[in-house]
Amino acid sequence: MSAHATIYKICSSKEWAAAEACGTYTGSADDARDGFIHFSTAAQVPGTAARHFAGRDDLVLVAVAAPMLGEALKWEPSRGGDLFPHLYGALGADAARSVIPLPLGADGHAIPDLED
């Protein structure tokens, strides 16, 4: 278990709008392929944005309270052995603490200050 209170999901604004409309986010095509919804900690968001979302605009950053996800949230090794939060199940849209735009600038995505 990790001490991170807030975790983050990067997705398209269209995907998140659909989640809000139906009440549930089931993940991206990559999430479906891997069998879980990928999240990042505050410290991992810049690397995730650069590696998996380079050049993509119209993205949002969804902040979720990790403790609210219960046992469906697993911390598993990934990039460089870091533990990443993976949600095995759907995410209720109402679990979002905030949803903020993730604009694309000349040097990549403009990552705001994030709560850990």
N, C-alpha and C. Protein backbone atom coordinates (compact mmCIF):
# COMPACT_ATOMS: atom_id res chain seq x y z
N MET A 1 0.85 -1.19 0.00
CA MET A 1 0.00 0.00 0.00
C MET A 1 0.88 1.24 0.00
N SER A 2 0.46 2.27 -0.66
CA SER A 2 1.24 3.49 -0.75
C SER A 2 0.62 4.59 0.11
N ALA A 3 1.42 5.56 0.44
CA ALA A 3 0.95 6.67 1.28
C ALA A 3 0.36 7.81 0.45
N HIS A 4 0.28 7.66 -0.85
CA HIS A 4 -0.24 8.72 -1.71
C HIS A 4 -1.75 8.84 -1.54
N ALA A 5 -2.20 10.02 -1.15
CA ALA A 5 -3.63 10.24 -0.93
C ALA A 5 -4.37 10.52 -2.23
N THR A 6 -3.67 11.16 -3.17
CA THR A 6 -4.30 11.52 -4.44
C THR A 6 -3.54 10.88 -5.58
N ILE A 7 -4.28 10.29 -6.51
CA ILE A 7 -3.69 9.73 -7.72
C ILE A 7 -4.37 10.37 -8.92
N TYR A 8 -3.77 10.22 -10.10
CA TYR A 8 -4.22 10.97 -11.26
C TYR A 8 -4.36 10.08 -12.49
N LYS A 9 -5.39 10.38 -13.26
CA LYS A 9 -5.63 9.71 -14.54
C LYS A 9 -5.59 10.77 -15.63
N ILE A 10 -4.79 10.53 -16.66
CA ILE A 10 -4.78 11.39 -17.83
C ILE A 10 -5.66 10.72 -18.88
N CYS A 11 -6.61 11.47 -19.41
CA CYS A 11 -7.45 10.94 -20.49
C CYS A 11 -7.94 12.09 -21.35
N SER A 12 -8.55 11.77 -22.47
CA SER A 12 -9.08 12.82 -23.33
C SER A 12 -10.31 13.43 -22.67
N SER A 13 -10.54 14.69 -22.96
CA SER A 13 -11.73 15.35 -22.40
C SER A 13 -13.00 14.66 -22.90
N LYS A 14 -12.94 14.10 -24.09
CA LYS A 14 -14.10 13.40 -24.65
C LYS A 14 -14.39 12.12 -23.85
N GLU A 15 -13.32 11.37 -23.50
CA GLU A 15 -13.50 10.16 -22.68
C GLU A 15 -14.11 10.51 -21.32
N TRP A 16 -13.60 11.60 -20.71
CA TRP A 16 -14.11 11.95 -19.39
C TRP A 16 -15.53 12.48 -19.46
N ALA A 17 -15.87 13.23 -20.51
CA ALA A 17 -17.25 13.71 -20.68
C ALA A 17 -18.20 12.52 -20.80
N ALA A 18 -17.78 11.48 -21.52
CA ALA A 18 -18.61 10.27 -21.63
C ALA A 18 -18.77 9.59 -20.28
N ALA A 19 -17.69 9.58 -19.50
CA ALA A 19 -17.76 8.98 -18.15
C ALA A 19 -18.73 9.75 -17.27
N GLU A 20 -18.68 11.07 -17.34
CA GLU A 20 -19.61 11.87 -16.54
C GLU A 20 -21.05 11.66 -16.98
N ALA A 21 -21.25 11.49 -18.29
CA ALA A 21 -22.60 11.29 -18.81
C ALA A 21 -23.21 9.98 -18.34
N CYS A 22 -22.39 8.91 -18.27
CA CYS A 22 -22.93 7.61 -17.87
C CYS A 22 -22.64 7.28 -16.41
N GLY A 23 -21.76 8.07 -15.78
CA GLY A 23 -21.47 7.86 -14.37
C GLY A 23 -20.29 6.97 -14.07
N THR A 24 -19.69 6.38 -15.11
CA THR A 24 -18.60 5.43 -14.90
C THR A 24 -17.53 5.59 -15.98
N TYR A 25 -16.28 5.52 -15.55
CA TYR A 25 -15.15 5.50 -16.48
C TYR A 25 -14.57 4.10 -16.47
N THR A 26 -14.56 3.47 -17.62
CA THR A 26 -14.06 2.10 -17.71
C THR A 26 -12.65 2.04 -18.27
N GLY A 27 -12.09 3.20 -18.62
CA GLY A 27 -10.72 3.25 -19.09
C GLY A 27 -10.57 3.47 -20.57
N SER A 28 -9.33 3.70 -20.96
CA SER A 28 -8.96 3.91 -22.36
C SER A 28 -8.77 2.56 -23.05
N ALA A 29 -8.45 2.60 -24.32
CA ALA A 29 -8.15 1.36 -25.05
C ALA A 29 -6.92 0.68 -24.44
N ASP A 30 -5.93 1.46 -24.02
CA ASP A 30 -4.74 0.88 -23.37
C ASP A 30 -5.11 0.23 -22.04
N ASP A 31 -5.99 0.88 -21.29
CA ASP A 31 -6.44 0.30 -20.02
C ASP A 31 -7.15 -1.03 -20.27
N ALA A 32 -8.03 -1.05 -21.26
CA ALA A 32 -8.77 -2.28 -21.58
C ALA A 32 -7.80 -3.39 -21.98
N ARG A 33 -6.79 -3.06 -22.77
CA ARG A 33 -5.79 -4.04 -23.19
C ARG A 33 -5.05 -4.62 -21.99
N ASP A 34 -4.72 -3.77 -21.02
CA ASP A 34 -3.91 -4.20 -19.88
C ASP A 34 -4.74 -4.79 -18.74
N GLY A 35 -6.05 -4.59 -18.76
CA GLY A 35 -6.92 -5.19 -17.75
C GLY A 35 -7.09 -4.37 -16.48
N PHE A 36 -6.64 -3.12 -16.52
CA PHE A 36 -6.81 -2.23 -15.37
C PHE A 36 -6.70 -0.78 -15.85
N ILE A 37 -7.18 0.15 -15.02
CA ILE A 37 -7.07 1.57 -15.33
C ILE A 37 -5.75 2.08 -14.76
N HIS A 38 -4.92 2.65 -15.63
CA HIS A 38 -3.62 3.20 -15.24
C HIS A 38 -3.80 4.55 -14.55
N PHE A 39 -3.17 4.71 -13.42
CA PHE A 39 -3.10 5.99 -12.72
C PHE A 39 -1.63 6.32 -12.49
N SER A 40 -1.38 7.55 -12.05
CA SER A 40 -0.04 8.00 -11.69
C SER A 40 -0.12 8.79 -10.40
N THR A 41 0.98 8.79 -9.66
CA THR A 41 1.10 9.69 -8.52
C THR A 41 1.45 11.08 -9.07
N ALA A 42 1.42 12.09 -8.20
CA ALA A 42 1.78 13.44 -8.62
C ALA A 42 3.16 13.47 -9.25
N ALA A 43 4.11 12.78 -8.65
CA ALA A 43 5.48 12.77 -9.16
C ALA A 43 5.60 12.03 -10.50
N GLN A 44 4.69 11.09 -10.77
CA GLN A 44 4.75 10.29 -11.99
C GLN A 44 4.02 10.93 -13.18
N VAL A 45 3.15 11.92 -12.91
CA VAL A 45 2.34 12.52 -13.98
C VAL A 45 3.20 13.08 -15.11
N PRO A 46 4.25 13.87 -14.85
CA PRO A 46 5.03 14.40 -15.98
C PRO A 46 5.60 13.31 -16.89
N GLY A 47 6.14 12.25 -16.31
CA GLY A 47 6.69 11.16 -17.11
C GLY A 47 5.62 10.42 -17.89
N THR A 48 4.46 10.22 -17.27
CA THR A 48 3.35 9.56 -17.96
C THR A 48 2.87 10.41 -19.13
N ALA A 49 2.75 11.71 -18.91
CA ALA A 49 2.30 12.61 -19.98
C ALA A 49 3.30 12.59 -21.14
N ALA A 50 4.59 12.67 -20.82
CA ALA A 50 5.61 12.69 -21.86
C ALA A 50 5.70 11.37 -22.61
N ARG A 51 5.59 10.28 -21.90
CA ARG A 51 5.79 8.97 -22.52
C ARG A 51 4.56 8.47 -23.29
N HIS A 52 3.38 8.66 -22.74
CA HIS A 52 2.18 8.06 -23.32
C HIS A 52 1.23 9.04 -24.01
N PHE A 53 1.45 10.35 -23.79
CA PHE A 53 0.52 11.34 -24.35
C PHE A 53 1.24 12.45 -25.10
N ALA A 54 2.48 12.23 -25.50
CA ALA A 54 3.27 13.25 -26.19
C ALA A 54 2.54 13.75 -27.43
N GLY A 55 2.45 15.08 -27.53
CA GLY A 55 1.84 15.68 -28.70
C GLY A 55 0.33 15.70 -28.71
N ARG A 56 -0.30 15.08 -27.72
CA ARG A 56 -1.77 15.04 -27.69
C ARG A 56 -2.32 16.22 -26.92
N ASP A 57 -3.32 16.85 -27.52
CA ASP A 57 -4.00 17.91 -26.80
C ASP A 57 -5.40 17.44 -26.44
N ASP A 58 -6.20 18.33 -25.90
CA ASP A 58 -7.56 18.00 -25.48
C ASP A 58 -7.56 16.92 -24.39
N LEU A 59 -6.58 17.02 -23.47
CA LEU A 59 -6.48 16.07 -22.37
C LEU A 59 -6.93 16.72 -21.07
N VAL A 60 -7.38 15.89 -20.15
CA VAL A 60 -7.69 16.34 -18.80
C VAL A 60 -6.93 15.47 -17.81
N LEU A 61 -6.75 16.03 -16.63
CA LEU A 61 -6.09 15.34 -15.53
C LEU A 61 -7.15 15.19 -14.44
N VAL A 62 -7.51 13.93 -14.17
CA VAL A 62 -8.54 13.62 -13.19
C VAL A 62 -7.87 13.22 -11.88
N ALA A 63 -8.16 13.97 -10.82
CA ALA A 63 -7.60 13.67 -9.49
C ALA A 63 -8.61 12.83 -8.71
N VAL A 64 -8.12 11.76 -8.10
CA VAL A 64 -8.97 10.82 -7.37
C VAL A 64 -8.35 10.54 -6.00
N ALA A 65 -9.18 10.46 -4.99
CA ALA A 65 -8.70 10.09 -3.65
C ALA A 65 -8.43 8.59 -3.64
N ALA A 66 -7.16 8.23 -3.55
CA ALA A 66 -6.77 6.82 -3.61
C ALA A 66 -7.48 5.95 -2.56
N PRO A 67 -7.61 6.40 -1.30
CA PRO A 67 -8.25 5.54 -0.29
C PRO A 67 -9.71 5.18 -0.62
N MET A 68 -10.37 6.01 -1.42
CA MET A 68 -11.76 5.76 -1.78
C MET A 68 -11.92 4.56 -2.72
N LEU A 69 -10.84 4.12 -3.33
CA LEU A 69 -10.93 3.04 -4.31
C LEU A 69 -10.83 1.65 -3.69
N GLY A 70 -10.46 1.60 -2.43
CA GLY A 70 -10.45 0.34 -1.70
C GLY A 70 -9.48 -0.68 -2.27
N GLU A 71 -9.86 -1.94 -2.14
CA GLU A 71 -8.97 -3.05 -2.51
C GLU A 71 -8.84 -3.25 -4.02
N ALA A 72 -9.66 -2.56 -4.80
CA ALA A 72 -9.54 -2.67 -6.26
C ALA A 72 -8.30 -1.93 -6.77
N LEU A 73 -7.73 -1.06 -5.92
CA LEU A 73 -6.52 -0.32 -6.28
C LEU A 73 -5.30 -1.11 -5.83
N LYS A 74 -4.44 -1.42 -6.78
CA LYS A 74 -3.21 -2.18 -6.51
C LYS A 74 -2.01 -1.31 -6.90
N TRP A 75 -0.96 -1.38 -6.11
CA TRP A 75 0.29 -0.68 -6.40
C TRP A 75 1.26 -1.70 -6.96
N GLU A 76 1.61 -1.53 -8.25
CA GLU A 76 2.40 -2.53 -8.95
C GLU A 76 3.61 -1.90 -9.64
N PRO A 77 4.72 -2.65 -9.71
CA PRO A 77 5.92 -2.10 -10.36
C PRO A 77 5.72 -1.91 -11.85
N SER A 78 6.27 -0.81 -12.34
CA SER A 78 6.22 -0.51 -13.77
C SER A 78 7.52 0.19 -14.13
N ARG A 79 7.45 1.30 -14.86
CA ARG A 79 8.62 2.05 -15.31
C ARG A 79 9.71 2.13 -14.24
N GLY A 80 10.86 1.59 -14.53
CA GLY A 80 11.99 1.71 -13.63
C GLY A 80 11.79 1.10 -12.25
N GLY A 81 10.81 0.22 -12.12
CA GLY A 81 10.54 -0.41 -10.84
C GLY A 81 9.68 0.41 -9.91
N ASP A 82 9.29 1.65 -10.32
CA ASP A 82 8.40 2.46 -9.51
C ASP A 82 7.05 1.77 -9.35
N LEU A 83 6.43 1.95 -8.20
CA LEU A 83 5.09 1.41 -7.98
C LEU A 83 4.07 2.40 -8.55
N PHE A 84 3.22 1.88 -9.42
CA PHE A 84 2.16 2.68 -10.03
C PHE A 84 0.81 2.19 -9.55
N PRO A 85 -0.14 3.10 -9.37
CA PRO A 85 -1.49 2.71 -8.97
C PRO A 85 -2.28 2.19 -10.17
N HIS A 86 -2.85 1.01 -10.02
CA HIS A 86 -3.68 0.39 -11.07
C HIS A 86 -5.03 0.03 -10.46
N LEU A 87 -6.09 0.45 -11.11
CA LEU A 87 -7.44 0.17 -10.62
C LEU A 87 -8.02 -1.00 -11.40
N TYR A 88 -8.32 -2.08 -10.69
CA TYR A 88 -8.93 -3.26 -11.30
C TYR A 88 -10.44 -3.16 -11.13
N GLY A 89 -11.05 -2.43 -12.04
CA GLY A 89 -12.49 -2.20 -12.01
C GLY A 89 -12.77 -0.83 -12.59
N ALA A 90 -14.05 -0.49 -12.65
CA ALA A 90 -14.46 0.80 -13.21
C ALA A 90 -14.30 1.89 -12.15
N LEU A 91 -14.17 3.11 -12.63
CA LEU A 91 -14.06 4.27 -11.76
C LEU A 91 -15.36 5.05 -11.83
N GLY A 92 -16.00 5.24 -10.70
CA GLY A 92 -17.20 6.08 -10.68
C GLY A 92 -16.80 7.52 -10.96
N ALA A 93 -17.50 8.17 -11.86
CA ALA A 93 -17.18 9.55 -12.21
C ALA A 93 -17.27 10.46 -10.99
N ASP A 94 -18.10 10.09 -10.04
CA ASP A 94 -18.24 10.90 -8.82
C ASP A 94 -17.04 10.78 -7.89
N ALA A 95 -16.10 9.90 -8.19
CA ALA A 95 -14.88 9.77 -7.38
C ALA A 95 -13.87 10.86 -7.70
N ALA A 96 -14.09 11.61 -8.77
CA ALA A 96 -13.15 12.65 -9.17
C ALA A 96 -13.19 13.81 -8.18
N ARG A 97 -12.03 14.14 -7.61
CA ARG A 97 -11.91 15.32 -6.74
C ARG A 97 -11.88 16.58 -7.60
N SER A 98 -11.20 16.47 -8.74
CA SER A 98 -11.13 17.58 -9.68
C SER A 98 -10.81 17.03 -11.06
N VAL A 99 -11.17 17.81 -12.05
CA VAL A 99 -10.86 17.50 -13.44
C VAL A 99 -10.35 18.80 -14.05
N ILE A 100 -9.07 18.81 -14.42
CA ILE A 100 -8.50 20.04 -14.93
C ILE A 100 -7.88 19.80 -16.31
N PRO A 101 -7.92 20.82 -17.17
CA PRO A 101 -7.31 20.69 -18.49
C PRO A 101 -5.80 20.47 -18.36
N LEU A 102 -5.26 19.73 -19.29
CA LEU A 102 -3.82 19.47 -19.35
C LEU A 102 -3.33 20.01 -20.70
N PRO A 103 -3.10 21.33 -20.77
CA PRO A 103 -2.76 21.95 -22.05
C PRO A 103 -1.40 21.53 -22.57
N LEU A 104 -1.30 21.51 -23.88
CA LEU A 104 -0.05 21.17 -24.56
C LEU A 104 0.64 22.46 -24.97
N GLY A 105 1.87 22.64 -24.49
CA GLY A 105 2.66 23.82 -24.83
C GLY A 105 3.81 23.44 -25.74
N ALA A 106 4.66 24.40 -26.02
CA ALA A 106 5.79 24.18 -26.91
C ALA A 106 6.77 23.13 -26.35
N ASP A 107 6.85 23.03 -25.03
CA ASP A 107 7.78 22.10 -24.39
C ASP A 107 7.08 20.88 -23.78
N GLY A 108 5.90 20.56 -24.27
CA GLY A 108 5.14 19.44 -23.71
C GLY A 108 3.95 19.94 -22.92
N HIS A 109 3.39 19.06 -22.12
CA HIS A 109 2.20 19.41 -21.36
C HIS A 109 2.55 20.31 -20.18
N ALA A 110 1.67 21.26 -19.93
CA ALA A 110 1.84 22.17 -18.80
C ALA A 110 1.24 21.50 -17.57
N ILE A 111 2.09 20.88 -16.77
CA ILE A 111 1.64 20.13 -15.60
C ILE A 111 1.47 21.13 -14.44
N PRO A 112 0.29 21.20 -13.86
CA PRO A 112 0.10 22.11 -12.73
C PRO A 112 0.74 21.53 -11.46
N ASP A 113 0.80 22.34 -10.42
CA ASP A 113 1.23 21.82 -9.11
C ASP A 113 0.17 20.84 -8.66
N LEU A 114 0.59 19.66 -8.24
CA LEU A 114 -0.34 18.60 -7.87
C LEU A 114 -0.20 18.22 -6.41
N GLU A 115 -1.31 17.85 -5.82
CA GLU A 115 -1.34 17.34 -4.45
C GLU A 115 -0.94 15.88 -4.47
N ASP A 116 -0.12 15.49 -3.51
CA ASP A 116 0.32 14.10 -3.46
C ASP A 116 -0.54 13.29 -2.51
